[in-house]
C-alpha atoms as a PDB file:
ATOM      1  CA  UNK A   1      72.556-127.217  52.144  1.00  0.00           C
ATOM      2  CA  UNK A   2      76.255-126.280  51.962  1.00  0.00           C
ATOM      3  CA  UNK A   3      77.647-124.878  48.767  1.00  0.00           C
ATOM      4  CA  UNK A   4      81.094-124.134  47.477  1.00  0.00           C
ATOM      5  CA  UNK A   5      82.655-121.850  44.902  1.00  0.00           C
ATOM      6  CA  UNK A   6      84.995-123.716  42.589  1.00  0.00           C
ATOM      7  CA  UNK A   7      87.529-121.720  40.583  1.00  0.00           C
ATOM      8  CA  UNK A   8      89.265-123.776  37.911  1.00  0.00           C
ATOM      9  CA  UNK A   9      92.426-122.073  36.692  1.00  0.00           C
ATOM     10  CA  UNK A  10      93.530-123.192  33.221  1.00  0.00           C
ATOM     11  CA  UNK A  11      96.000-122.046  30.574  1.00  0.00           C
ATOM     12  CA  UNK A  12      93.977-121.368  27.432  1.00  0.00           C
ATOM     13  CA  UNK A  13      92.589-124.227  25.384  1.00  0.00           C
ATOM     14  CA  UNK A  14      95.450-126.614  26.102  1.00  0.00           C
ATOM     15  CA  UNK A  15      94.560-130.327  26.183  1.00  0.00           C
ATOM     16  CA  UNK A  16      95.303-130.497  29.931  1.00  0.00           C
ATOM     17  CA  UNK A  17      92.899-127.596  30.502  1.00  0.00           C
ATOM     18  CA  UNK A  18      90.083-129.316  28.611  1.00  0.00           C
ATOM     19  CA  UNK A  19      90.771-132.593  30.437  1.00  0.00           C
ATOM     20  CA  UNK A  20      90.716-130.828  33.800  1.00  0.00           C
ATOM     21  CA  UNK A  21      87.300-129.328  33.088  1.00  0.00           C
ATOM     22  CA  UNK A  22      85.900-132.686  31.908  1.00  0.00           C
ATOM     23  CA  UNK A  23      87.282-134.479  34.955  1.00  0.00           C
ATOM     24  CA  UNK A  24      86.055-131.788  37.338  1.00  0.00           C
ATOM     25  CA  UNK A  25      82.556-132.082  35.890  1.00  0.00           C
ATOM     26  CA  UNK A  26      82.688-135.872  36.296  1.00  0.00           C
ATOM     27  CA  UNK A  27      83.997-135.546  39.864  1.00  0.00           C
ATOM     28  CA  UNK A  28      81.225-133.139  40.819  1.00  0.00           C
ATOM     29  CA  UNK A  29      78.634-135.558  39.434  1.00  0.00           C
ATOM     30  CA  UNK A  30      80.301-138.407  41.363  1.00  0.00           C
ATOM     31  CA  UNK A  31      79.881-136.585  44.679  1.00  0.00           C
ATOM     32  CA  UNK A  32      76.141-137.223  44.426  1.00  0.00           C
ATOM     33  CA  UNK A  33      75.441-133.687  45.643  1.00  0.00           C
ATOM     34  CA  UNK A  34      72.412-131.781  44.325  1.00  0.00           C
ATOM     35  CA  UNK A  35      72.831-129.647  41.232  1.00  0.00           C
ATOM     36  CA  UNK A  36      74.000-126.179  42.177  1.00  0.00           C
ATOM     37  CA  UNK A  37      76.066-127.349  45.148  1.00  0.00           C
ATOM     38  CA  UNK A  38      79.222-126.309  43.325  1.00  0.00           C
ATOM     39  CA  UNK A  39      79.456-122.983  41.489  1.00  0.00           C
ATOM     40  CA  UNK A  40      82.189-123.332  38.855  1.00  0.00           C
ATOM     41  CA  UNK A  41      84.166-120.365  37.583  1.00  0.00           C
ATOM     42  CA  UNK A  42      86.598-121.075  34.745  1.00  0.00           C
ATOM     43  CA  UNK A  43      89.590-118.721  34.827  1.00  0.00           C
ATOM     44  CA  UNK A  44      91.964-118.641  31.861  1.00  0.00           C
ATOM     45  CA  UNK A  45      95.246-117.331  33.264  1.00  0.00           C
ATOM     46  CA  UNK A  46      96.435-116.395  29.767  1.00  0.00           C
ATOM     47  CA  UNK A  47      93.524-113.970  29.446  1.00  0.00           C
ATOM     48  CA  UNK A  48      93.454-112.845  33.079  1.00  0.00           C
ATOM     49  CA  UNK A  49      96.937-113.204  34.604  1.00  0.00           C
ATOM     50  CA  UNK A  50      96.047-110.790  37.408  1.00  0.00           C
ATOM     51  CA  UNK A  51      93.604-113.364  38.824  1.00  0.00           C
ATOM     52  CA  UNK A  52      96.392-115.943  38.922  1.00  0.00           C
ATOM     53  CA  UNK A  53      98.700-113.552  40.756  1.00  0.00           C
ATOM     54  CA  UNK A  54      95.947-112.503  43.148  1.00  0.00           C
ATOM     55  CA  UNK A  55      95.210-116.130  44.007  1.00  0.00           C
ATOM     56  CA  UNK A  56      98.871-117.086  44.417  1.00  0.00           C
ATOM     57  CA  UNK A  57      98.570-119.665  41.659  1.00  0.00           C
ATOM     58  CA  UNK A  58     101.558-121.957  41.210  1.00  0.00           C
ATOM     59  CA  UNK A  59     100.556-124.196  38.290  1.00  0.00           C
ATOM     60  CA  UNK A  60      97.748-125.008  35.893  1.00  0.00           C
ATOM     61  CA  UNK A  61      95.408-126.678  35.916  1.00  0.00           C
ATOM     62  CA  UNK A  62      94.572-125.846  39.511  1.00  0.00           C
ATOM     63  CA  UNK A  63      91.328-125.878  41.403  1.00  0.00           C
ATOM     64  CA  UNK A  64      90.573-123.469  44.242  1.00  0.00           C
ATOM     65  CA  UNK A  65      87.520-124.497  46.224  1.00  0.00           C
ATOM     66  CA  UNK A  66      86.042-122.053  48.700  1.00  0.00           C
ATOM     67  CA  UNK A  67      83.475-123.604  51.022  1.00  0.00           C
ATOM     68  CA  UNK A  68      80.546-121.723  52.534  1.00  0.00           C
ATOM     69  CA  UNK A  69      82.563-121.256  55.727  1.00  0.00           C
ATOM     70  CA  UNK A  70      85.231-119.362  53.751  1.00  0.00           C
ATOM     71  CA  UNK A  71      87.864-122.092  53.857  1.00  0.00           C
ATOM     72  CA  UNK A  72      89.879-122.303  50.640  1.00  0.00           C
ATOM     73  CA  UNK A  73      91.648-125.456  49.536  1.00  0.00           C
ATOM     74  CA  UNK A  74      93.721-126.172  46.422  1.00  0.00           C
ATOM     75  CA  UNK A  75      93.828-129.213  44.166  1.00  0.00           C
ATOM     76  CA  UNK A  76      96.601-129.093  41.550  1.00  0.00           C
ATOM     77  CA  UNK A  77      97.106-131.373  38.558  1.00  0.00           C
ATOM     78  CA  UNK A  78      95.331-133.055  35.670  1.00  0.00           C
ATOM     79  CA  UNK A  79      92.485-134.399  37.809  1.00  0.00           C
ATOM     80  CA  UNK A  80      92.916-137.678  35.929  1.00  0.00           C
ATOM     81  CA  UNK A  81      91.234-139.609  38.756  1.00  0.00           C
ATOM     82  CA  UNK A  82      87.748-138.089  39.087  1.00  0.00           C
ATOM     83  CA  UNK A  83      86.871-140.461  41.940  1.00  0.00           C
ATOM     84  CA  UNK A  84      89.762-139.088  44.021  1.00  0.00           C
ATOM     85  CA  UNK A  85      88.765-135.526  43.181  1.00  0.00           C
ATOM     86  CA  UNK A  86      85.121-136.306  44.068  1.00  0.00           C
ATOM     87  CA  UNK A  87      86.184-137.480  47.537  1.00  0.00           C
ATOM     88  CA  UNK A  88      88.306-134.382  48.002  1.00  0.00           C
ATOM     89  CA  UNK A  89      85.417-132.118  46.946  1.00  0.00           C
ATOM     90  CA  UNK A  90      83.054-133.826  49.397  1.00  0.00           C
ATOM     91  CA  UNK A  91      85.596-133.598  52.232  1.00  0.00           C
ATOM     92  CA  UNK A  92      86.117-129.878  51.684  1.00  0.00           C
ATOM     93  CA  UNK A  93      82.383-129.260  51.426  1.00  0.00           C
ATOM     94  CA  UNK A  94      81.747-131.198  54.633  1.00  0.00           C
ATOM     95  CA  UNK A  95      84.391-129.146  56.439  1.00  0.00           C
ATOM     96  CA  UNK A  96      86.922-131.938  56.795  1.00  0.00           C
ATOM     97  CA  UNK A  97      90.534-131.133  55.941  1.00  0.00           C
ATOM     98  CA  UNK A  98      91.507-132.732  52.603  1.00  0.00           C
END
């Protein structure tokens, strides 16, 4: 089974940050993948700005997904369409370019 590390970069407890986490959780569930397929790490760039610089972050909320093969892809925005995000997650996990 393939797995992927998902780093969600947010800016504190802002409403957009909370919405991004909710929508990411919904999108992961919508992929239909087994539990544990995605390992989520929540990174607050206000508390850890070095991580944002290290990753080359441009905006929040942003999602960096690193597949088992080491490929990293970015998804930037509010994630207000979980079904679109779910398709993107599945494509990255399956090795297809998003």
